[in-house]
PDB file of N, CA and C in Angstrom:
ATOM      1  N   MET A   1     -12.824  -1.409  22.234  1.00  0.00           N
ATOM      2  CA  MET A   1     -12.594  -1.276  21.091  1.00  0.00           C
ATOM      3  C   MET A   1     -12.898   0.315  20.505  1.00  0.00           C
ATOM      4  N   LYS A   2     -12.171   0.598  19.709  1.00  0.00           N
ATOM      5  CA  LYS A   2     -12.030   2.184  19.324  1.00  0.00           C
ATOM      6  C   LYS A   2     -11.751   2.238  17.975  1.00  0.00           C
ATOM      7  N   GLY A   3     -12.724   3.126  17.310  1.00  0.00           N
ATOM      8  CA  GLY A   3     -12.355   3.468  15.782  1.00  0.00           C
ATOM      9  C   GLY A   3     -13.875   3.138  15.134  1.00  0.00           C
ATOM     10  N   HIS A   4     -14.650   2.197  15.481  1.00  0.00           N
ATOM     11  CA  HIS A   4     -15.824   2.109  14.538  1.00  0.00           C
ATOM     12  C   HIS A   4     -16.768   2.908  14.640  1.00  0.00           C
ATOM     13  N   GLU A   5     -16.866   3.752  15.225  1.00  0.00           N
ATOM     14  CA  GLU A   5     -17.874   5.015  15.516  1.00  0.00           C
ATOM     15  C   GLU A   5     -17.786   5.747  14.077  1.00  0.00           C
ATOM     16  N   PRO A   6     -16.613   6.221  13.284  1.00  0.00           N
ATOM     17  CA  PRO A   6     -16.688   6.957  12.166  1.00  0.00           C
ATOM     18  C   PRO A   6     -17.436   6.197  11.175  1.00  0.00           C
ATOM     19  N   ILE A   7     -16.804   4.850  11.194  1.00  0.00           N
ATOM     20  CA  ILE A   7     -17.227   3.899   9.838  1.00  0.00           C
ATOM     21  C   ILE A   7     -18.654   3.740  10.160  1.00  0.00           C
ATOM     22  N   ILE A   8     -19.507   3.587  11.233  1.00  0.00           N
ATOM     23  CA  ILE A   8     -20.566   3.663  11.138  1.00  0.00           C
ATOM     24  C   ILE A   8     -21.328   4.617  10.707  1.00  0.00           C
ATOM     25  N   ALA A   9     -20.826   6.096  11.151  1.00  0.00           N
ATOM     26  CA  ALA A   9     -21.280   7.092  10.903  1.00  0.00           C
ATOM     27  C   ALA A   9     -21.533   7.279   9.056  1.00  0.00           C
ATOM     28  N   MET A  10     -20.274   6.815   8.482  1.00  0.00           N
ATOM     29  CA  MET A  10     -20.131   6.964   7.186  1.00  0.00           C
ATOM     30  C   MET A  10     -20.996   6.070   6.536  1.00  0.00           C
ATOM     31  N   ARG A  11     -21.280   4.861   6.829  1.00  0.00           N
ATOM     32  CA  ARG A  11     -22.179   4.143   6.355  1.00  0.00           C
ATOM     33  C   ARG A  11     -23.401   4.487   6.505  1.00  0.00           C
ATOM     34  N   MET A  12     -23.866   5.284   7.616  1.00  0.00           N
ATOM     35  CA  MET A  12     -25.129   5.518   7.729  1.00  0.00           C
ATOM     36  C   MET A  12     -25.645   6.737   6.564  1.00  0.00           C
ATOM     37  N   GLN A  13     -24.528   7.401   6.467  1.00  0.00           N
ATOM     38  CA  GLN A  13     -24.473   8.420   5.262  1.00  0.00           C
ATOM     39  C   GLN A  13     -24.675   8.054   3.894  1.00  0.00           C
ATOM     40  N   GLY A  14     -24.422   6.430   3.767  1.00  0.00           N
ATOM     41  CA  GLY A  14     -24.222   6.053   2.271  1.00  0.00           C
ATOM     42  C   GLY A  14     -23.212   5.676   1.837  1.00  0.00           C
ATOM     43  N   TYR A  15     -21.858   5.824   2.466  1.00  0.00           N
ATOM     44  CA  TYR A  15     -20.723   5.753   2.094  1.00  0.00           C
ATOM     45  C   TYR A  15     -19.809   4.378   2.617  1.00  0.00           C
ATOM     46  N   THR A  16     -18.819   4.080   2.124  1.00  0.00           N
ATOM     47  CA  THR A  16     -18.209   2.903   3.009  1.00  0.00           C
ATOM     48  C   THR A  16     -16.546   3.418   2.520  1.00  0.00           C
ATOM     49  N   PRO A  17     -15.680   3.045   3.466  1.00  0.00           N
ATOM     50  CA  PRO A  17     -14.322   2.970   3.307  1.00  0.00           C
ATOM     51  C   PRO A  17     -13.887   1.861   2.209  1.00  0.00           C
ATOM     52  N   ARG A  18     -12.756   2.093   1.447  1.00  0.00           N
ATOM     53  CA  ARG A  18     -12.259   0.890   0.636  1.00  0.00           C
ATOM     54  C   ARG A  18     -11.630  -0.314   1.219  1.00  0.00           C
ATOM     55  N   GLU A  19     -11.498   0.133   2.895  1.00  0.00           N
ATOM     56  CA  GLU A  19     -10.903  -1.161   3.427  1.00  0.00           C
ATOM     57  C   GLU A  19     -10.634  -0.545   4.728  1.00  0.00           C
ATOM     58  N   VAL A  20     -10.584  -1.531   5.865  1.00  0.00           N
ATOM     59  CA  VAL A  20     -10.546  -1.271   7.203  1.00  0.00           C
ATOM     60  C   VAL A  20      -9.415  -1.857   8.098  1.00  0.00           C
ATOM     61  N   TRP A  21      -8.400  -1.254   8.497  1.00  0.00           N
ATOM     62  CA  TRP A  21      -7.372  -1.958   9.261  1.00  0.00           C
ATOM     63  C   TRP A  21      -7.887  -2.200  10.734  1.00  0.00           C
ATOM     64  N   ILE A  22      -7.910  -3.540  11.057  1.00  0.00           N
ATOM     65  CA  ILE A  22      -7.953  -3.666  12.598  1.00  0.00           C
ATOM     66  C   ILE A  22      -6.983  -4.430  13.519  1.00  0.00           C
ATOM     67  N   ARG A  23      -6.498  -3.653  14.177  1.00  0.00           N
ATOM     68  CA  ARG A  23      -5.357  -3.952  15.119  1.00  0.00           C
ATOM     69  C   ARG A  23      -5.762  -4.503  16.482  1.00  0.00           C
ATOM     70  N   VAL A  24      -5.307  -5.650  16.714  1.00  0.00           N
ATOM     71  CA  VAL A  24      -5.413  -6.468  18.283  1.00  0.00           C
ATOM     72  C   VAL A  24      -4.246  -5.847  18.869  1.00  0.00           C
ATOM     73  N   PHE A  25      -4.374  -5.138  20.019  1.00  0.00           N
ATOM     74  CA  PHE A  25      -3.155  -4.786  20.868  1.00  0.00           C
ATOM     75  C   PHE A  25      -3.399  -5.582  22.238  1.00  0.00           C
ATOM     76  N   ASP A  26      -2.463  -5.842  22.793  1.00  0.00           N
ATOM     77  CA  ASP A  26      -2.028  -6.206  24.095  1.00  0.00           C
ATOM     78  C   ASP A  26      -1.970  -5.171  25.212  1.00  0.00           C
ATOM     79  N   PHE A  27      -2.224  -3.932  24.764  1.00  0.00           N
ATOM     80  CA  PHE A  27      -2.139  -2.800  25.756  1.00  0.00           C
ATOM     81  C   PHE A  27      -3.201  -1.655  25.297  1.00  0.00           C
ATOM     82  N   GLU A  28      -3.526  -0.695  26.134  1.00  0.00           N
ATOM     83  CA  GLU A  28      -4.296   0.279  25.537  1.00  0.00           C
ATOM     84  C   GLU A  28      -3.133   1.305  25.400  1.00  0.00           C
ATOM     85  N   PRO A  29      -3.115   1.789  24.135  1.00  0.00           N
ATOM     86  CA  PRO A  29      -2.153   2.714  23.587  1.00  0.00           C
ATOM     87  C   PRO A  29      -2.342   4.371  23.845  1.00  0.00           C
ATOM     88  N   LYS A  30      -1.370   4.770  24.309  1.00  0.00           N
ATOM     89  CA  LYS A  30      -1.708   6.116  24.446  1.00  0.00           C
ATOM     90  C   LYS A  30      -1.417   6.958  23.245  1.00  0.00           C
ATOM     91  N   TYR A  31      -2.657   7.981  23.015  1.00  0.00           N
ATOM     92  CA  TYR A  31      -2.695   8.486  21.575  1.00  0.00           C
ATOM     93  C   TYR A  31      -2.309  10.040  21.797  1.00  0.00           C
ATOM     94  N   TYR A  32      -2.039  10.961  20.545  1.00  0.00           N
ATOM     95  CA  TYR A  32      -1.994  12.261  20.560  1.00  0.00           C
ATOM     96  C   TYR A  32      -3.489  12.486  20.332  1.00  0.00           C
ATOM     97  N   GLU A  33      -3.955  13.940  20.164  1.00  0.00           N
ATOM     98  CA  GLU A  33      -5.388  14.012  19.799  1.00  0.00           C
ATOM     99  C   GLU A  33      -5.534  13.655  18.438  1.00  0.00           C
ATOM    100  N   TRP A  34      -4.499  13.871  17.596  1.00  0.00           N
ATOM    101  CA  TRP A  34      -4.918  13.789  16.149  1.00  0.00           C
ATOM    102  C   TRP A  34      -4.587  12.158  15.410  1.00  0.00           C
ATOM    103  N   ASP A  35      -3.994  11.339  16.329  1.00  0.00           N
ATOM    104  CA  ASP A  35      -3.575  10.145  15.973  1.00  0.00           C
ATOM    105  C   ASP A  35      -4.614   8.857  16.242  1.00  0.00           C
ATOM    106  N   GLU A  36      -5.863   9.464  17.330  1.00  0.00           N
ATOM    107  CA  GLU A  36      -6.753   8.400  17.861  1.00  0.00           C
ATOM    108  C   GLU A  36      -7.259   7.648  16.653  1.00  0.00           C
ATOM    109  N   PRO A  37      -7.875   6.422  16.942  1.00  0.00           N
ATOM    110  CA  PRO A  37      -8.418   5.647  15.369  1.00  0.00           C
ATOM    111  C   PRO A  37      -9.573   6.280  14.916  1.00  0.00           C
ATOM    112  N   SER A  38     -10.259   6.957  15.965  1.00  0.00           N
ATOM    113  CA  SER A  38     -11.803   7.626  15.706  1.00  0.00           C
ATOM    114  C   SER A  38     -11.467   8.855  14.834  1.00  0.00           C
ATOM    115  N   LYS A  39     -10.255   9.363  14.905  1.00  0.00           N
ATOM    116  CA  LYS A  39      -9.696  10.752  14.211  1.00  0.00           C
ATOM    117  C   LYS A  39      -9.222  10.388  12.640  1.00  0.00           C
ATOM    118  N   SER A  40      -9.189   9.020  12.434  1.00  0.00           N
ATOM    119  CA  SER A  40      -7.922   8.566  11.475  1.00  0.00           C
ATOM    120  C   SER A  40      -8.793   9.125  10.083  1.00  0.00           C
ATOM    121  N   LEU A  41      -9.937   8.679   9.599  1.00  0.00           N
ATOM    122  CA  LEU A  41     -10.833   9.100   8.504  1.00  0.00           C
ATOM    123  C   LEU A  41     -10.666  10.657   8.269  1.00  0.00           C
ATOM    124  N   GLU A  42     -11.046  11.143   9.441  1.00  0.00           N
ATOM    125  CA  GLU A  42     -11.138  12.664   9.521  1.00  0.00           C
ATOM    126  C   GLU A  42      -9.504  12.979   8.936  1.00  0.00           C
ATOM    127  N   ASN A  43      -8.549  12.704   9.202  1.00  0.00           N
ATOM    128  CA  ASN A  43      -7.560  13.236   9.173  1.00  0.00           C
ATOM    129  C   ASN A  43      -6.517  12.663   7.626  1.00  0.00           C
ATOM    130  N   GLY A  44      -7.615  12.230   6.884  1.00  0.00           N
ATOM    131  CA  GLY A  44      -7.268  11.550   5.765  1.00  0.00           C
ATOM    132  C   GLY A  44      -6.593  10.034   5.667  1.00  0.00           C
ATOM    133  N   PHE A  45      -6.339   9.537   6.661  1.00  0.00           N
ATOM    134  CA  PHE A  45      -5.917   8.200   6.879  1.00  0.00           C
ATOM    135  C   PHE A  45      -6.867   7.077   6.471  1.00  0.00           C
ATOM    136  N   THR A  46      -6.399   5.668   6.382  1.00  0.00           N
ATOM    137  CA  THR A  46      -7.449   4.812   6.133  1.00  0.00           C
ATOM    138  C   THR A  46      -8.422   4.331   7.532  1.00  0.00           C
ATOM    139  N   ALA A  47      -9.404   3.845   7.273  1.00  0.00           N
ATOM    140  CA  ALA A  47     -10.128   3.619   8.504  1.00  0.00           C
ATOM    141  C   ALA A  47      -9.628   2.667   9.288  1.00  0.00           C
ATOM    142  N   ARG A  48      -9.543   2.973  10.672  1.00  0.00           N
ATOM    143  CA  ARG A  48      -8.968   1.575  11.574  1.00  0.00           C
ATOM    144  C   ARG A  48      -9.886   1.630  12.760  1.00  0.00           C
ATOM    145  N   ILE A  49      -9.537   0.253  13.384  1.00  0.00           N
ATOM    146  CA  ILE A  49     -10.330  -0.043  14.396  1.00  0.00           C
ATOM    147  C   ILE A  49      -9.098  -0.779  15.486  1.00  0.00           C
ATOM    148  N   GLU A  50      -9.417  -0.447  16.628  1.00  0.00           N
ATOM    149  CA  GLU A  50      -8.497  -1.044  17.395  1.00  0.00           C
ATOM    150  C   GLU A  50      -8.872  -1.754  18.680  1.00  0.00           C
ATOM    151  N   VAL A  51      -8.492  -2.878  19.147  1.00  0.00           N
ATOM    152  CA  VAL A  51      -9.135  -4.041  20.103  1.00  0.00           C
ATOM    153  C   VAL A  51      -8.511  -3.981  20.915  1.00  0.00           C
ATOM    154  N   TYR A  52      -8.595  -3.863  22.276  1.00  0.00           N
ATOM    155  CA  TYR A  52      -7.711  -3.823  23.369  1.00  0.00           C
ATOM    156  C   TYR A  52      -7.944  -5.227  24.272  1.00  0.00           C
ATOM    157  N   PRO A  53      -6.971  -5.337  25.152  1.00  0.00           N
ATOM    158  CA  PRO A  53      -7.269  -6.402  26.092  1.00  0.00           C
ATOM    159  C   PRO A  53      -8.451  -6.186  27.068  1.00  0.00           C
ATOM    160  N   MET A  54      -8.862  -5.215  27.264  1.00  0.00           N
ATOM    161  CA  MET A  54     -10.446  -5.465  28.332  1.00  0.00           C
ATOM    162  C   MET A  54     -11.736  -5.702  27.299  1.00  0.00           C
ATOM    163  N   ASP A  55     -11.338  -5.596  26.190  1.00  0.00           N
ATOM    164  CA  ASP A  55     -12.652  -5.919  25.277  1.00  0.00           C
ATOM    165  C   ASP A  55     -12.635  -7.470  25.028  1.00  0.00           C
ATOM    166  N   LYS A  56     -13.930  -7.818  25.801  1.00  0.00           N
ATOM    167  CA  LYS A  56     -14.180  -9.101  26.055  1.00  0.00           C
ATOM    168  C   LYS A  56     -15.856  -9.556  25.405  1.00  0.00           C
ATOM    169  N   GLY A  57     -15.676 -10.885  25.402  1.00  0.00           N
ATOM    170  CA  GLY A  57     -17.356 -10.928  25.105  1.00  0.00           C
ATOM    171  C   GLY A  57     -17.425 -10.923  23.279  1.00  0.00           C
ATOM    172  N   ALA A  58     -18.375 -10.659  22.877  1.00  0.00           N
ATOM    173  CA  ALA A  58     -18.803 -10.752  21.540  1.00  0.00           C
ATOM    174  C   ALA A  58     -18.702  -9.112  20.861  1.00  0.00           C
ATOM    175  N   LEU A  59     -17.779  -9.052  20.343  1.00  0.00           N
ATOM    176  CA  LEU A  59     -17.440  -7.805  19.515  1.00  0.00           C
ATOM    177  C   LEU A  59     -18.403  -7.724  18.356  1.00  0.00           C
ATOM    178  N   ASP A  60     -18.880  -6.430  18.264  1.00  0.00           N
ATOM    179  CA  ASP A  60     -19.701  -6.092  17.104  1.00  0.00           C
ATOM    180  C   ASP A  60     -19.033  -5.726  15.910  1.00  0.00           C
ATOM    181  N   PHE A  61     -18.724  -6.232  14.657  1.00  0.00           N
ATOM    182  CA  PHE A  61     -17.967  -5.725  13.986  1.00  0.00           C
ATOM    183  C   PHE A  61     -18.811  -5.677  12.505  1.00  0.00           C
ATOM    184  N   ARG A  62     -19.896  -5.049  12.953  1.00  0.00           N
ATOM    185  CA  ARG A  62     -21.053  -5.120  11.651  1.00  0.00           C
ATOM    186  C   ARG A  62     -21.045  -4.091  10.606  1.00  0.00           C
ATOM    187  N   CYS A  63     -19.967  -3.011  11.117  1.00  0.00           N
ATOM    188  CA  CYS A  63     -19.578  -2.050  10.472  1.00  0.00           C
ATOM    189  C   CYS A  63     -18.624  -2.375   9.534  1.00  0.00           C
ATOM    190  N   VAL A  64     -17.973  -3.583   9.356  1.00  0.00           N
ATOM    191  CA  VAL A  64     -17.176  -4.057   8.381  1.00  0.00           C
ATOM    192  C   VAL A  64     -17.931  -4.948   7.211  1.00  0.00           C
ATOM    193  N   THR A  65     -19.194  -5.186   7.260  1.00  0.00           N
ATOM    194  CA  THR A  65     -19.781  -6.268   6.461  1.00  0.00           C
ATOM    195  C   THR A  65     -19.672  -5.436   4.845  1.00  0.00           C
ATOM    196  N   GLY A  66     -19.016  -6.571   4.089  1.00  0.00           N
ATOM    197  CA  GLY A  66     -18.776  -5.966   2.644  1.00  0.00           C
ATOM    198  C   GLY A  66     -17.529  -5.468   2.610  1.00  0.00           C
ATOM    199  N   LEU A  67     -16.670  -5.182   3.320  1.00  0.00           N
ATOM    200  CA  LEU A  67     -15.586  -4.460   3.265  1.00  0.00           C
ATOM    201  C   LEU A  67     -14.410  -5.427   3.131  1.00  0.00           C
ATOM    202  N   VAL A  68     -13.296  -4.997   2.862  1.00  0.00           N
ATOM    203  CA  VAL A  68     -11.998  -5.661   2.915  1.00  0.00           C
ATOM    204  C   VAL A  68     -11.500  -5.406   4.335  1.00  0.00           C
ATOM    205  N   VAL A  69     -10.808  -6.146   4.706  1.00  0.00           N
ATOM    206  CA  VAL A  69     -10.515  -6.189   6.346  1.00  0.00           C
ATOM    207  C   VAL A  69      -8.916  -6.603   6.456  1.00  0.00           C
ATOM    208  N   HIS A  70      -8.208  -5.747   7.104  1.00  0.00           N
ATOM    209  CA  HIS A  70      -6.640  -6.018   7.413  1.00  0.00           C
ATOM    210  C   HIS A  70      -6.687  -6.552   8.957  1.00  0.00           C
ATOM    211  N   LEU A  71      -6.418  -7.635   9.157  1.00  0.00           N
ATOM    212  CA  LEU A  71      -6.216  -7.859  10.820  1.00  0.00           C
ATOM    213  C   LEU A  71      -4.977  -8.404  11.289  1.00  0.00           C
ATOM    214  N   SER A  72      -4.410  -7.607  12.345  1.00  0.00           N
ATOM    215  CA  SER A  72      -3.002  -8.080  12.578  1.00  0.00           C
ATOM    216  C   SER A  72      -3.227  -7.758  14.285  1.00  0.00           C
ATOM    217  N   GLY A  73      -1.974  -8.320  14.631  1.00  0.00           N
ATOM    218  CA  GLY A  73      -1.761  -8.163  16.140  1.00  0.00           C
ATOM    219  C   GLY A  73      -0.667  -8.938  16.484  1.00  0.00           C
ATOM    220  N   THR A  74      -0.253  -9.237  17.841  1.00  0.00           N
ATOM    221  CA  THR A  74       0.552 -10.017  18.124  1.00  0.00           C
ATOM    222  C   THR A  74       0.803 -11.034  18.992  1.00  0.00           C
ATOM    223  N   ASP A  75      -0.676 -11.193  19.571  1.00  0.00           N
ATOM    224  CA  ASP A  75      -1.051 -12.174  20.278  1.00  0.00           C
ATOM    225  C   ASP A  75      -1.773 -13.360  19.321  1.00  0.00           C
ATOM    226  N   ASP A  76      -1.234 -14.151  18.795  1.00  0.00           N
ATOM    227  CA  ASP A  76      -2.016 -15.198  17.456  1.00  0.00           C
ATOM    228  C   ASP A  76      -3.360 -15.629  18.181  1.00  0.00           C
ATOM    229  N   GLU A  77      -3.403 -16.326  19.305  1.00  0.00           N
ATOM    230  CA  GLU A  77      -4.867 -16.702  20.044  1.00  0.00           C
ATOM    231  C   GLU A  77      -5.861 -15.418  19.825  1.00  0.00           C
ATOM    232  N   ARG A  78      -5.567 -14.294  20.419  1.00  0.00           N
ATOM    233  CA  ARG A  78      -6.322 -13.494  20.446  1.00  0.00           C
ATOM    234  C   ARG A  78      -6.700 -12.843  19.011  1.00  0.00           C
ATOM    235  N   VAL A  79      -5.892 -12.945  17.733  1.00  0.00           N
ATOM    236  CA  VAL A  79      -6.246 -12.151  16.718  1.00  0.00           C
ATOM    237  C   VAL A  79      -7.161 -13.198  15.867  1.00  0.00           C
ATOM    238  N   LEU A  80      -6.721 -14.751  16.324  1.00  0.00           N
ATOM    239  CA  LEU A  80      -8.019 -15.731  15.680  1.00  0.00           C
ATOM    240  C   LEU A  80      -9.201 -15.569  16.245  1.00  0.00           C
ATOM    241  N   GLN A  81      -9.426 -15.431  17.472  1.00  0.00           N
ATOM    242  CA  GLN A  81     -10.593 -15.294  18.257  1.00  0.00           C
ATOM    243  C   GLN A  81     -11.396 -13.880  17.609  1.00  0.00           C
ATOM    244  N   THR A  82     -10.463 -12.899  17.442  1.00  0.00           N
ATOM    245  CA  THR A  82     -10.968 -11.265  16.853  1.00  0.00           C
ATOM    246  C   THR A  82     -11.532 -11.846  15.262  1.00  0.00           C
ATOM    247  N   LEU A  83     -10.900 -12.772  14.744  1.00  0.00           N
ATOM    248  CA  LEU A  83     -10.883 -13.144  13.421  1.00  0.00           C
ATOM    249  C   LEU A  83     -12.508 -13.604  13.262  1.00  0.00           C
ATOM    250  N   LYS A  84     -12.962 -14.483  14.243  1.00  0.00           N
ATOM    251  CA  LYS A  84     -14.175 -15.397  14.201  1.00  0.00           C
ATOM    252  C   LYS A  84     -15.049 -14.112  14.260  1.00  0.00           C
ATOM    253  N   HIS A  85     -14.955 -13.471  14.862  1.00  0.00           N
ATOM    254  CA  HIS A  85     -16.173 -11.953  15.158  1.00  0.00           C
ATOM    255  C   HIS A  85     -16.020 -11.529  14.100  1.00  0.00           C
ATOM    256  N   ILE A  86     -15.092 -11.045  13.276  1.00  0.00           N
ATOM    257  CA  ILE A  86     -15.294 -10.389  12.045  1.00  0.00           C
ATOM    258  C   ILE A  86     -15.919 -11.181  11.103  1.00  0.00           C
ATOM    259  N   GLU A  87     -15.567 -12.468  10.886  1.00  0.00           N
ATOM    260  CA  GLU A  87     -16.251 -13.512  10.045  1.00  0.00           C
ATOM    261  C   GLU A  87     -17.695 -13.608  10.045  1.00  0.00           C
ATOM    262  N   ARG A  88     -18.206 -13.372  11.414  1.00  0.00           N
ATOM    263  CA  ARG A  88     -19.723 -13.212  11.661  1.00  0.00           C
ATOM    264  C   ARG A  88     -20.205 -12.187  10.606  1.00  0.00           C
ATOM    265  N   ALA A  89     -19.761 -10.983  10.519  1.00  0.00           N
ATOM    266  CA  ALA A  89     -20.248 -10.139  10.128  1.00  0.00           C
ATOM    267  C   ALA A  89     -20.006  -9.884   8.500  1.00  0.00           C
ATOM    268  N   LYS A  90     -19.842 -10.910   7.858  1.00  0.00           N
ATOM    269  CA  LYS A  90     -19.437 -11.130   6.335  1.00  0.00           C
ATOM    270  C   LYS A  90     -18.770  -9.977   5.605  1.00  0.00           C
ATOM    271  N   PRO A  91     -17.300  -9.917   6.295  1.00  0.00           N
ATOM    272  CA  PRO A  91     -16.430  -8.837   5.186  1.00  0.00           C
ATOM    273  C   PRO A  91     -16.537  -9.367   3.962  1.00  0.00           C
ATOM    274  N   LEU A  92     -15.999  -8.552   2.920  1.00  0.00           N
ATOM    275  CA  LEU A  92     -15.816  -8.888   1.499  1.00  0.00           C
ATOM    276  C   LEU A  92     -14.386 -10.063   1.334  1.00  0.00           C
ATOM    277  N   ARG A  93     -13.653  -9.405   2.440  1.00  0.00           N
ATOM    278  CA  ARG A  93     -12.559 -10.308   2.340  1.00  0.00           C
ATOM    279  C   ARG A  93     -11.485  -9.854   3.763  1.00  0.00           C
ATOM    280  N   VAL A  94     -10.784 -10.612   4.314  1.00  0.00           N
ATOM    281  CA  VAL A  94     -10.052 -10.713   5.489  1.00  0.00           C
ATOM    282  C   VAL A  94      -8.575 -10.841   5.401  1.00  0.00           C
ATOM    283  N   ILE A  95      -7.784 -10.251   5.344  1.00  0.00           N
ATOM    284  CA  ILE A  95      -6.226 -10.575   5.299  1.00  0.00           C
ATOM    285  C   ILE A  95      -5.704 -10.299   6.854  1.00  0.00           C
ATOM    286  N   THR A  96      -5.466 -11.492   7.190  1.00  0.00           N
ATOM    287  CA  THR A  96      -4.962 -11.646   8.880  1.00  0.00           C
ATOM    288  C   THR A  96      -3.224 -12.185   8.902  1.00  0.00           C
ATOM    289  N   SER A  97      -3.031 -11.389   9.488  1.00  0.00           N
ATOM    290  CA  SER A  97      -1.314 -11.439   9.840  1.00  0.00           C
ATOM    291  C   SER A  97      -0.639 -11.199  11.343  1.00  0.00           C
ATOM    292  N   THR A  98       0.063 -12.032  11.392  1.00  0.00           N
ATOM    293  CA  THR A  98       0.728 -12.044  12.658  1.00  0.00           C
ATOM    294  C   THR A  98       2.317 -12.302  12.382  1.00  0.00           C
ATOM    295  N   ALA A  99       3.350 -12.690  13.071  1.00  0.00           N
ATOM    296  CA  ALA A  99       4.379 -13.188  13.061  1.00  0.00           C
ATOM    297  C   ALA A  99       4.623 -14.732  12.741  1.00  0.00           C
ATOM    298  N   ASN A 100       3.322 -15.317  13.019  1.00  0.00           N
ATOM    299  CA  ASN A 100       3.380 -16.666  12.688  1.00  0.00           C
ATOM    300  C   ASN A 100       1.749 -17.261  11.742  1.00  0.00           C
ATOM    301  N   ILE A 101       0.970 -16.113  11.566  1.00  0.00           N
ATOM    302  CA  ILE A 101      -0.223 -16.475  10.969  1.00  0.00           C
ATOM    303  C   ILE A 101      -0.089 -15.815   9.599  1.00  0.00           C
ATOM    304  N   PHE A 102      -0.738 -16.160   8.471  1.00  0.00           N
ATOM    305  CA  PHE A 102      -1.233 -15.651   7.232  1.00  0.00           C
ATOM    306  C   PHE A 102      -2.256 -16.143   6.891  1.00  0.00           C
ATOM    307  N   ILE A 103      -3.612 -15.434   6.589  1.00  0.00           N
ATOM    308  CA  ILE A 103      -4.609 -16.178   6.072  1.00  0.00           C
ATOM    309  C   ILE A 103      -5.145 -15.164   5.337  1.00  0.00           C
ATOM    310  N   ASP A 104      -5.518 -15.474   4.077  1.00  0.00           N
ATOM    311  CA  ASP A 104      -6.022 -14.427   2.937  1.00  0.00           C
ATOM    312  C   ASP A 104      -7.502 -15.303   2.515  1.00  0.00           C
ATOM    313  N   SER A 105      -8.568 -14.702   3.132  1.00  0.00           N
ATOM    314  CA  SER A 105      -9.852 -15.399   2.787  1.00  0.00           C
ATOM    315  C   SER A 105     -10.542 -15.518   1.557  1.00  0.00           C
ATOM    316  N   ALA A 106      -9.931 -14.199   0.623  1.00  0.00           N
ATOM    317  CA  ALA A 106     -10.199 -14.754  -0.802  1.00  0.00           C
ATOM    318  C   ALA A 106      -9.696 -15.545  -1.421  1.00  0.00           C
ATOM    319  N   SER A 107      -8.284 -15.653  -1.388  1.00  0.00           N
ATOM    320  CA  SER A 107      -7.515 -16.870  -2.061  1.00  0.00           C
ATOM    321  C   SER A 107      -7.740 -18.521  -1.140  1.00  0.00           C
ATOM    322  N   ARG A 108      -8.352 -18.021   0.011  1.00  0.00           N
ATOM    323  CA  ARG A 108      -8.124 -19.260   0.891  1.00  0.00           C
ATOM    324  C   ARG A 108      -6.663 -19.755   1.103  1.00  0.00           C
ATOM    325  N   GLU A 109      -5.653 -18.651   1.278  1.00  0.00           N
ATOM    326  CA  GLU A 109      -4.498 -19.061   1.334  1.00  0.00           C
ATOM    327  C   GLU A 109      -3.889 -19.028   2.936  1.00  0.00           C
ATOM    328  N   SER A 110      -3.735 -20.037   3.766  1.00  0.00           N
ATOM    329  CA  SER A 110      -3.438 -19.776   4.717  1.00  0.00           C
ATOM    330  C   SER A 110      -1.860 -20.482   5.412  1.00  0.00           C
ATOM    331  N   ARG A 111      -1.192 -20.077   6.050  1.00  0.00           N
ATOM    332  CA  ARG A 111      -0.210 -20.470   6.791  1.00  0.00           C
ATOM    333  C   ARG A 111      -0.036 -20.385   8.666  1.00  0.00           C
ATOM    334  N   ILE A 112       0.154 -21.179   9.280  1.00  0.00           N
ATOM    335  CA  ILE A 112      -0.150 -20.945  10.511  1.00  0.00           C
ATOM    336  C   ILE A 112       1.176 -21.715  11.132  1.00  0.00           C
ATOM    337  N   ALA A 113       2.203 -21.066  11.433  1.00  0.00           N
ATOM    338  CA  ALA A 113       3.604 -21.476  12.125  1.00  0.00           C
ATOM    339  C   ALA A 113       3.099 -22.367  13.347  1.00  0.00           C
ATOM    340  N   ALA A 114       3.793 -23.445  13.604  1.00  0.00           N
ATOM    341  CA  ALA A 114       3.881 -24.372  14.549  1.00  0.00           C
ATOM    342  C   ALA A 114       4.569 -23.489  16.135  1.00  0.00           C
TER     343      ALA A 114
END
């Protein structure tokens, strides 16, 4: 998991981002120095966290407590597993989308294709 450190640092200073984008990857992408998730806020973009295939076990998403979270990915099962970890942190709202899934915790709307 990458990108949560700047959100934690921001929160420790008494600030929060408006929203956090969490992407569940099927691979660990290669980055340029300026586009790493941990540099996202520093470069004026939205806060983002990336979850990789090697991230196993209980993922710690306490940094998104009380925030709006946008969750996406291509592996429906892994996205739903990640959603469970995120929900434990009590975010304000989670909007989850994949090619087959749409869940909005605020409106309780959900569509899951078979």
